[in-house]
Amino acid sequence: MPEAEDGFDFGKNVAASSDAGKSAGEGHRARLRARLLTGGAEALADYEVLEYLLFAAIKQGDTKPVAKALLAQFGSLAGVLNADPKALQRVKGVGETSAAALKAVSTAARRMTRGEIINKPVLGSWQALIDYLTTDMAHLTVERVRVLYLDTKNRLIEDHHVGDGSIDEAAIHPREVIRRAMDVGATAMILVHNHPSGSPEPSRADIQITQRIAEAGRHMGVTVHDHVIIGREGHTSLRAKGLI
């Protein structure tokens, strides 16, 4: 397995047999590149996608063991791409440059999915909204609460990070949520939080705080369209469940 890219140098004390290994490695990289460019989205296995992403940071050597170690540590391709950079660097063979390369991919994915909902009525772009929230939150290891504030055409005004922690009145205060809606000129909102456990099923606290915020909103002319819970196993809409 190659060490972290900082200490990599196959040019020192290289025997003739190493040249053959280098050529074989270059051939493997070329074959992966050809499959990626011509074979479509499913041409590469998850570990091969990671291999290819690591090529940019690890210029020589076999990146397959590093890719497989990352998948073993974080459970899935999405888990790797959403992992904290410091956690990534605890895997043998991953240095700062490799962690940054993987972080860049997850950042690009978030911006792509966010771009699908900006300046569009989010209720008419529901799947795009779910894709954005799932990309951003499904693999978080802490519970995060967000409020999406919308204008009269249900376009996103602000994606507000309320805080981290269990969703109760200690973390999210109905009056403060409605006051912020007034401050930004919102007429509607969508509450969002994630379940690090993976299951998106709502708890009693999820339901109770949603109903309190919806009631407070009614008095101030602010509609709570939904409360969406995101987990690795999918998402749940409290509106769809008839809980709002």
C-alpha atoms as a PDB file:
ATOM      1  CA  MET A   1       0.000   0.000   0.000  1.00  0.00           C
ATOM      2  CA  PRO A   2       1.365   3.454  -0.773  1.00  0.00           C
ATOM      3  CA  GLU A   3       2.061   5.789   2.093  1.00  0.00           C
ATOM      4  CA  ALA A   4       0.412   9.202   2.293  1.00  0.00           C
ATOM      5  CA  GLU A   5       1.277  11.195  -0.803  1.00  0.00           C
ATOM      6  CA  ASP A   6       3.579  13.566   1.144  1.00  0.00           C
ATOM      7  CA  GLY A   7       6.206  10.832   1.442  1.00  0.00           C
ATOM      8  CA  PHE A   8       5.792   9.365  -2.010  1.00  0.00           C
ATOM      9  CA  ASP A   9       8.780   9.129  -4.371  1.00  0.00           C
ATOM     10  CA  PHE A  10       9.209   6.124  -6.607  1.00  0.00           C
ATOM     11  CA  GLY A  11      12.120   7.835  -8.364  1.00  0.00           C
ATOM     12  CA  LYS A  12      14.628   7.015  -5.612  1.00  0.00           C
ATOM     13  CA  ASN A  13      16.671   3.784  -5.779  1.00  0.00           C
ATOM     14  CA  VAL A  14      14.405   2.271  -8.395  1.00  0.00           C
ATOM     15  CA  ALA A  15      15.537  -1.022  -9.906  1.00  0.00           C
ATOM     16  CA  ALA A  16      14.644  -2.247 -13.388  1.00  0.00           C
ATOM     17  CA  SER A  17      11.885  -4.410 -11.918  1.00  0.00           C
ATOM     18  CA  SER A  18      10.312  -1.259 -10.492  1.00  0.00           C
ATOM     19  CA  ASP A  19      10.046   0.185 -14.005  1.00  0.00           C
ATOM     20  CA  ALA A  20       7.939  -2.820 -14.994  1.00  0.00           C
ATOM     21  CA  GLY A  21       5.725  -2.255 -11.970  1.00  0.00           C
ATOM     22  CA  LYS A  22       5.416   1.420 -12.826  1.00  0.00           C
ATOM     23  CA  SER A  23       4.393   0.561 -16.380  1.00  0.00           C
ATOM     24  CA  ALA A  24       1.819  -1.910 -15.110  1.00  0.00           C
ATOM     25  CA  GLY A  25       0.433   0.762 -12.793  1.00  0.00           C
ATOM     26  CA  GLU A  26       0.219   3.263 -15.625  1.00  0.00           C
ATOM     27  CA  GLY A  27      -1.584   0.674 -17.742  1.00  0.00           C
ATOM     28  CA  HIS A  28      -4.118   0.064 -14.979  1.00  0.00           C
ATOM     29  CA  ARG A  29      -4.763   3.786 -14.664  1.00  0.00           C
ATOM     30  CA  ALA A  30      -5.200   4.111 -18.418  1.00  0.00           C
ATOM     31  CA  ARG A  31      -7.693   1.226 -18.458  1.00  0.00           C
ATOM     32  CA  LEU A  32      -9.714   2.753 -15.627  1.00  0.00           C
ATOM     33  CA  ARG A  33      -9.736   6.102 -17.426  1.00  0.00           C
ATOM     34  CA  ALA A  34     -10.981   4.493 -20.642  1.00  0.00           C
ATOM     35  CA  ARG A  35     -13.760   2.637 -18.808  1.00  0.00           C
ATOM     36  CA  LEU A  36     -14.796   5.806 -16.988  1.00  0.00           C
ATOM     37  CA  LEU A  37     -14.988   7.842 -20.188  1.00  0.00           C
ATOM     38  CA  THR A  38     -16.765   5.269 -22.350  1.00  0.00           C
ATOM     39  CA  GLY A  39     -18.672   2.984 -20.011  1.00  0.00           C
ATOM     40  CA  GLY A  40     -21.212   5.267 -18.351  1.00  0.00           C
ATOM     41  CA  ALA A  41     -22.126   5.764 -14.695  1.00  0.00           C
ATOM     42  CA  GLU A  42     -21.933   2.077 -13.734  1.00  0.00           C
ATOM     43  CA  ALA A  43     -18.673   1.302 -15.545  1.00  0.00           C
ATOM     44  CA  LEU A  44     -16.625   1.431 -12.328  1.00  0.00           C
ATOM     45  CA  ALA A  45     -17.187  -0.193  -8.961  1.00  0.00           C
ATOM     46  CA  ASP A  46     -17.204   2.116  -5.955  1.00  0.00           C
ATOM     47  CA  TYR A  47     -13.622   1.256  -5.005  1.00  0.00           C
ATOM     48  CA  GLU A  48     -12.536   1.968  -8.585  1.00  0.00           C
ATOM     49  CA  VAL A  49     -14.183   5.402  -8.464  1.00  0.00           C
ATOM     50  CA  LEU A  50     -12.155   6.110  -5.324  1.00  0.00           C
ATOM     51  CA  GLU A  51      -9.028   4.730  -6.978  1.00  0.00           C
ATOM     52  CA  TYR A  52      -9.451   7.174  -9.822  1.00  0.00           C
ATOM     53  CA  LEU A  53     -10.106  10.115  -7.512  1.00  0.00           C
ATOM     54  CA  LEU A  54      -6.929   9.274  -5.603  1.00  0.00           C
ATOM     55  CA  PHE A  55      -4.834   9.306  -8.790  1.00  0.00           C
ATOM     56  CA  ALA A  56      -4.841  13.118  -8.686  1.00  0.00           C
ATOM     57  CA  ALA A  57      -3.157  13.127  -5.265  1.00  0.00           C
ATOM     58  CA  ILE A  58      -1.070   9.942  -5.412  1.00  0.00           C
ATOM     59  CA  LYS A  59       0.893  10.258  -8.625  1.00  0.00           C
ATOM     60  CA  GLN A  60       2.381   6.758  -8.685  1.00  0.00           C
ATOM     61  CA  GLY A  61       1.631   3.413  -7.137  1.00  0.00           C
ATOM     62  CA  ASP A  62      -1.399   1.242  -6.495  1.00  0.00           C
ATOM     63  CA  THR A  63      -4.308   3.193  -5.016  1.00  0.00           C
ATOM     64  CA  LYS A  64      -6.637   0.178  -4.845  1.00  0.00           C
ATOM     65  CA  PRO A  65      -5.636  -0.830  -1.276  1.00  0.00           C
ATOM     66  CA  VAL A  66      -6.217   2.748  -0.092  1.00  0.00           C
ATOM     67  CA  ALA A  67      -9.615   2.883  -1.824  1.00  0.00           C
ATOM     68  CA  LYS A  68     -10.695  -0.413  -0.278  1.00  0.00           C
ATOM     69  CA  ALA A  69      -9.453   0.656   3.163  1.00  0.00           C
ATOM     70  CA  LEU A  70     -11.536   3.837   2.902  1.00  0.00           C
ATOM     71  CA  LEU A  71     -14.663   1.867   2.004  1.00  0.00           C
ATOM     72  CA  ALA A  72     -14.026  -0.558   4.870  1.00  0.00           C
ATOM     73  CA  GLN A  73     -13.640   2.340   7.304  1.00  0.00           C
ATOM     74  CA  PHE A  74     -16.583   4.503   6.182  1.00  0.00           C
ATOM     75  CA  GLY A  75     -18.965   1.877   4.815  1.00  0.00           C
ATOM     76  CA  SER A  76     -19.818   3.297   1.385  1.00  0.00           C
ATOM     77  CA  LEU A  77     -18.685   5.675  -1.326  1.00  0.00           C
ATOM     78  CA  ALA A  78     -21.024   8.345   0.052  1.00  0.00           C
ATOM     79  CA  GLY A  79     -19.656   7.738   3.533  1.00  0.00           C
ATOM     80  CA  VAL A  80     -16.105   8.306   2.296  1.00  0.00           C
ATOM     81  CA  LEU A  81     -16.946  11.475   0.376  1.00  0.00           C
ATOM     82  CA  ASN A  82     -18.852  12.920   3.325  1.00  0.00           C
ATOM     83  CA  ALA A  83     -16.260  11.988   5.949  1.00  0.00           C
ATOM     84  CA  ASP A  84     -14.372  14.623   7.888  1.00  0.00           C
ATOM     85  CA  PRO A  85     -10.960  15.289   6.254  1.00  0.00           C
ATOM     86  CA  LYS A  86      -9.144  14.541   9.516  1.00  0.00           C
ATOM     87  CA  ALA A  87     -10.932  11.201   9.772  1.00  0.00           C
ATOM     88  CA  LEU A  88      -9.934  10.404   6.190  1.00  0.00           C
ATOM     89  CA  GLN A  89      -6.291  11.069   7.028  1.00  0.00           C
ATOM     90  CA  ARG A  90      -6.372   8.453   9.767  1.00  0.00           C
ATOM     91  CA  VAL A  91      -6.610   5.807   7.038  1.00  0.00           C
ATOM     92  CA  LYS A  92      -3.156   4.594   6.004  1.00  0.00           C
ATOM     93  CA  GLY A  93      -2.161   6.017   2.634  1.00  0.00           C
ATOM     94  CA  VAL A  94      -4.368   9.109   2.841  1.00  0.00           C
ATOM     95  CA  GLY A  95      -2.617  12.430   3.311  1.00  0.00           C
ATOM     96  CA  GLU A  96      -3.821  15.999   3.257  1.00  0.00           C
ATOM     97  CA  THR A  97      -3.769  16.189  -0.547  1.00  0.00           C
ATOM     98  CA  SER A  98      -5.867  13.043  -0.930  1.00  0.00           C
ATOM     99  CA  ALA A  99      -8.339  14.214   1.706  1.00  0.00           C
ATOM    100  CA  ALA A 100      -8.659  17.551  -0.099  1.00  0.00           C
ATOM    101  CA  ALA A 101      -9.283  15.796  -3.429  1.00  0.00           C
ATOM    102  CA  LEU A 102     -12.117  13.758  -1.901  1.00  0.00           C
ATOM    103  CA  LYS A 103     -13.516  16.828  -0.133  1.00  0.00           C
ATOM    104  CA  ALA A 104     -13.563  18.704  -3.453  1.00  0.00           C
ATOM    105  CA  VAL A 105     -15.779  16.013  -4.971  1.00  0.00           C
ATOM    106  CA  SER A 106     -18.301  16.174  -2.128  1.00  0.00           C
ATOM    107  CA  THR A 107     -18.301  19.979  -2.327  1.00  0.00           C
ATOM    108  CA  ALA A 108     -18.962  19.827  -6.074  1.00  0.00           C
ATOM    109  CA  ALA A 109     -21.831  17.382  -5.522  1.00  0.00           C
ATOM    110  CA  ARG A 110     -23.435  19.692  -2.951  1.00  0.00           C
ATOM    111  CA  ARG A 111     -23.155  22.696  -5.234  1.00  0.00           C
ATOM    112  CA  MET A 112     -24.608  20.774  -8.170  1.00  0.00           C
ATOM    113  CA  THR A 113     -27.655  19.665  -6.197  1.00  0.00           C
ATOM    114  CA  ARG A 114     -28.083  23.120  -4.635  1.00  0.00           C
ATOM    115  CA  GLY A 115     -27.997  24.638  -8.116  1.00  0.00           C
ATOM    116  CA  GLU A 116     -31.078  22.612  -9.026  1.00  0.00           C
ATOM    117  CA  ILE A 117     -33.231  24.424  -6.459  1.00  0.00           C
ATOM    118  CA  ILE A 118     -31.885  27.991  -6.525  1.00  0.00           C
ATOM    119  CA  ASN A 119     -34.347  30.480  -8.062  1.00  0.00           C
ATOM    120  CA  LYS A 120     -36.950  27.756  -8.559  1.00  0.00           C
ATOM    121  CA  PRO A 121     -40.167  27.076  -6.621  1.00  0.00           C
ATOM    122  CA  VAL A 122     -38.979  24.319  -4.308  1.00  0.00           C
ATOM    123  CA  LEU A 123     -42.396  22.679  -4.037  1.00  0.00           C
ATOM    124  CA  GLY A 124     -42.290  22.156  -7.803  1.00  0.00           C
ATOM    125  CA  SER A 125     -38.710  20.847  -7.606  1.00  0.00           C
ATOM    126  CA  TRP A 126     -39.291  18.477  -4.716  1.00  0.00           C
ATOM    127  CA  GLN A 127     -37.025  15.635  -5.827  1.00  0.00           C
ATOM    128  CA  ALA A 128     -34.230  18.103  -6.511  1.00  0.00           C
ATOM    129  CA  LEU A 129     -34.709  19.453  -2.980  1.00  0.00           C
ATOM    130  CA  ILE A 130     -34.574  15.953  -1.489  1.00  0.00           C
ATOM    131  CA  ASP A 131     -31.427  15.191  -3.508  1.00  0.00           C
ATOM    132  CA  TYR A 132     -29.805  18.357  -2.186  1.00  0.00           C
ATOM    133  CA  LEU A 133     -30.722  17.624   1.431  1.00  0.00           C
ATOM    134  CA  THR A 134     -29.696  13.978   1.176  1.00  0.00           C
ATOM    135  CA  THR A 135     -26.314  14.839  -0.324  1.00  0.00           C
ATOM    136  CA  ASP A 136     -25.722  17.389   2.399  1.00  0.00           C
ATOM    137  CA  MET A 137     -27.101  15.647   5.484  1.00  0.00           C
ATOM    138  CA  ALA A 138     -27.618  11.903   5.155  1.00  0.00           C
ATOM    139  CA  HIS A 139     -24.142  10.990   6.384  1.00  0.00           C
ATOM    140  CA  LEU A 140     -23.704  13.557   9.135  1.00  0.00           C
ATOM    141  CA  THR A 141     -22.666  12.044  12.450  1.00  0.00           C
ATOM    142  CA  VAL A 142     -24.485  14.741  14.453  1.00  0.00           C
ATOM    143  CA  GLU A 143     -28.138  15.777  14.339  1.00  0.00           C
ATOM    144  CA  ARG A 144     -28.440  19.092  12.487  1.00  0.00           C
ATOM    145  CA  VAL A 145     -31.466  21.382  12.302  1.00  0.00           C
ATOM    146  CA  ARG A 146     -32.077  23.685   9.332  1.00  0.00           C
ATOM    147  CA  VAL A 147     -34.904  25.932   8.217  1.00  0.00           C
ATOM    148  CA  LEU A 148     -35.457  26.710   4.528  1.00  0.00           C
ATOM    149  CA  TYR A 149     -37.124  30.122   4.334  1.00  0.00           C
ATOM    150  CA  LEU A 150     -39.229  30.734   1.203  1.00  0.00           C
ATOM    151  CA  ASP A 151     -40.742  33.777  -0.510  1.00  0.00           C
ATOM    152  CA  THR A 152     -44.295  34.190  -1.846  1.00  0.00           C
ATOM    153  CA  LYS A 153     -43.366  32.086  -4.911  1.00  0.00           C
ATOM    154  CA  ASN A 154     -41.845  29.389  -2.684  1.00  0.00           C
ATOM    155  CA  ARG A 155     -38.341  30.192  -3.853  1.00  0.00           C
ATOM    156  CA  LEU A 156     -35.483  29.774  -1.400  1.00  0.00           C
ATOM    157  CA  ILE A 157     -34.546  32.973   0.432  1.00  0.00           C
ATOM    158  CA  GLU A 158     -32.282  31.452   3.045  1.00  0.00           C
ATOM    159  CA  ASP A 159     -31.042  28.019   4.067  1.00  0.00           C
ATOM    160  CA  HIS A 160     -30.523  28.668   7.766  1.00  0.00           C
ATOM    161  CA  HIS A 161     -28.450  26.344   9.952  1.00  0.00           C
ATOM    162  CA  VAL A 162     -30.248  26.592  13.291  1.00  0.00           C
ATOM    163  CA  GLY A 163     -27.889  24.365  15.244  1.00  0.00           C
ATOM    164  CA  ASP A 164     -26.732  20.866  16.066  1.00  0.00           C
ATOM    165  CA  GLY A 165     -28.328  18.567  18.603  1.00  0.00           C
ATOM    166  CA  SER A 166     -31.655  16.871  19.275  1.00  0.00           C
ATOM    167  CA  ILE A 167     -34.662  18.691  17.819  1.00  0.00           C
ATOM    168  CA  ASP A 168     -36.481  20.060  20.832  1.00  0.00           C
ATOM    169  CA  GLU A 169     -37.126  23.514  22.214  1.00  0.00           C
ATOM    170  CA  ALA A 170     -33.608  23.611  23.634  1.00  0.00           C
ATOM    171  CA  ALA A 171     -32.269  23.549  20.068  1.00  0.00           C
ATOM    172  CA  ILE A 172     -35.043  25.209  18.064  1.00  0.00           C
ATOM    173  CA  HIS A 173     -37.348  27.859  19.523  1.00  0.00           C
ATOM    174  CA  PRO A 174     -40.639  28.387  17.677  1.00  0.00           C
ATOM    175  CA  ARG A 175     -40.705  32.138  18.312  1.00  0.00           C
ATOM    176  CA  GLU A 176     -37.132  32.568  17.075  1.00  0.00           C
ATOM    177  CA  VAL A 177     -37.857  30.564  13.927  1.00  0.00           C
ATOM    178  CA  ILE A 178     -40.882  32.741  13.143  1.00  0.00           C
ATOM    179  CA  ARG A 179     -39.020  35.944  14.051  1.00  0.00           C
ATOM    180  CA  ARG A 180     -36.291  35.089  11.559  1.00  0.00           C
ATOM    181  CA  ALA A 181     -38.964  34.499   8.909  1.00  0.00           C
ATOM    182  CA  MET A 182     -40.162  38.038   9.545  1.00  0.00           C
ATOM    183  CA  ASP A 183     -36.616  39.387   9.386  1.00  0.00           C
ATOM    184  CA  VAL A 184     -35.851  37.818   5.982  1.00  0.00           C
ATOM    185  CA  GLY A 185     -39.302  38.465   4.518  1.00  0.00           C
ATOM    186  CA  ALA A 186     -40.327  34.821   4.280  1.00  0.00           C
ATOM    187  CA  THR A 187     -43.943  33.745   3.948  1.00  0.00           C
ATOM    188  CA  ALA A 188     -43.287  30.014   4.239  1.00  0.00           C
ATOM    189  CA  MET A 189     -40.690  27.566   5.477  1.00  0.00           C
ATOM    190  CA  ILE A 190     -39.612  23.952   5.404  1.00  0.00           C
ATOM    191  CA  LEU A 191     -38.072  22.489   8.546  1.00  0.00           C
ATOM    192  CA  VAL A 192     -35.289  19.971   8.010  1.00  0.00           C
ATOM    193  CA  HIS A 193     -33.172  17.794  10.221  1.00  0.00           C
ATOM    194  CA  ASN A 194     -31.302  14.518   9.983  1.00  0.00           C
ATOM    195  CA  HIS A 195     -31.177  11.313  12.006  1.00  0.00           C
ATOM    196  CA  PRO A 196     -27.593  10.024  12.336  1.00  0.00           C
ATOM    197  CA  SER A 197     -29.044   6.606  13.260  1.00  0.00           C
ATOM    198  CA  GLY A 198     -30.032   6.219   9.606  1.00  0.00           C
ATOM    199  CA  SER A 199     -33.789   5.833  10.062  1.00  0.00           C
ATOM    200  CA  PRO A 200     -35.820   8.888   9.029  1.00  0.00           C
ATOM    201  CA  GLU A 201     -38.897   7.974  11.069  1.00  0.00           C
ATOM    202  CA  PRO A 202     -40.092  10.927  13.197  1.00  0.00           C
ATOM    203  CA  SER A 203     -39.902  10.837  16.973  1.00  0.00           C
ATOM    204  CA  ARG A 204     -42.567  12.243  19.281  1.00  0.00           C
ATOM    205  CA  ALA A 205     -40.329  15.300  19.852  1.00  0.00           C
ATOM    206  CA  ASP A 206     -40.046  15.812  16.064  1.00  0.00           C
ATOM    207  CA  ILE A 207     -43.837  15.847  15.737  1.00  0.00           C
ATOM    208  CA  GLN A 208     -44.460  18.054  18.766  1.00  0.00           C
ATOM    209  CA  ILE A 209     -41.979  20.788  17.849  1.00  0.00           C
ATOM    210  CA  THR A 210     -43.235  20.814  14.259  1.00  0.00           C
ATOM    211  CA  GLN A 211     -46.809  21.348  15.406  1.00  0.00           C
ATOM    212  CA  ARG A 212     -45.752  24.150  17.772  1.00  0.00           C
ATOM    213  CA  ILE A 213     -43.864  25.965  15.015  1.00  0.00           C
ATOM    214  CA  ALA A 214     -46.748  25.483  12.569  1.00  0.00           C
ATOM    215  CA  GLU A 215     -49.185  26.919  15.130  1.00  0.00           C
ATOM    216  CA  ALA A 216     -46.913  29.900  15.824  1.00  0.00           C
ATOM    217  CA  GLY A 217     -46.574  30.458  12.083  1.00  0.00           C
ATOM    218  CA  ARG A 218     -50.329  30.516  11.550  1.00  0.00           C
ATOM    219  CA  HIS A 219     -50.664  33.438  13.954  1.00  0.00           C
ATOM    220  CA  MET A 220     -48.023  35.401  12.013  1.00  0.00           C
ATOM    221  CA  GLY A 221     -49.018  34.470   8.466  1.00  0.00           C
ATOM    222  CA  VAL A 222     -46.057  32.128   7.885  1.00  0.00           C
ATOM    223  CA  THR A 223     -46.856  28.673   6.494  1.00  0.00           C
ATOM    224  CA  VAL A 224     -44.897  25.583   7.498  1.00  0.00           C
ATOM    225  CA  HIS A 225     -45.039  23.571   4.294  1.00  0.00           C
ATOM    226  CA  ASP A 226     -43.286  20.524   5.670  1.00  0.00           C
ATOM    227  CA  HIS A 227     -40.775  19.027   8.038  1.00  0.00           C
ATOM    228  CA  VAL A 228     -38.372  16.706   6.215  1.00  0.00           C
ATOM    229  CA  ILE A 229     -36.253  14.191   8.103  1.00  0.00           C
ATOM    230  CA  ILE A 230     -33.183  12.862   6.308  1.00  0.00           C
ATOM    231  CA  GLY A 231     -31.412   9.583   7.067  1.00  0.00           C
ATOM    232  CA  ARG A 232     -29.121   7.166   5.288  1.00  0.00           C
ATOM    233  CA  GLU A 233     -32.141   4.904   4.787  1.00  0.00           C
ATOM    234  CA  GLY A 234     -34.200   7.589   3.019  1.00  0.00           C
ATOM    235  CA  HIS A 235     -36.333  10.546   4.000  1.00  0.00           C
ATOM    236  CA  THR A 236     -39.687  11.210   5.663  1.00  0.00           C
ATOM    237  CA  SER A 237     -42.135  14.058   5.060  1.00  0.00           C
ATOM    238  CA  LEU A 238     -44.314  14.898   8.056  1.00  0.00           C
ATOM    239  CA  ARG A 239     -46.765  16.572   5.651  1.00  0.00           C
ATOM    240  CA  ALA A 240     -47.089  13.326   3.672  1.00  0.00           C
ATOM    241  CA  LYS A 241     -47.740  11.463   6.919  1.00  0.00           C
ATOM    242  CA  GLY A 242     -50.546  13.886   7.814  1.00  0.00           C
ATOM    243  CA  LEU A 243     -48.669  15.149  10.880  1.00  0.00           C
ATOM    244  CA  ILE A 244     -48.854  18.851   9.982  1.00  0.00           C
END
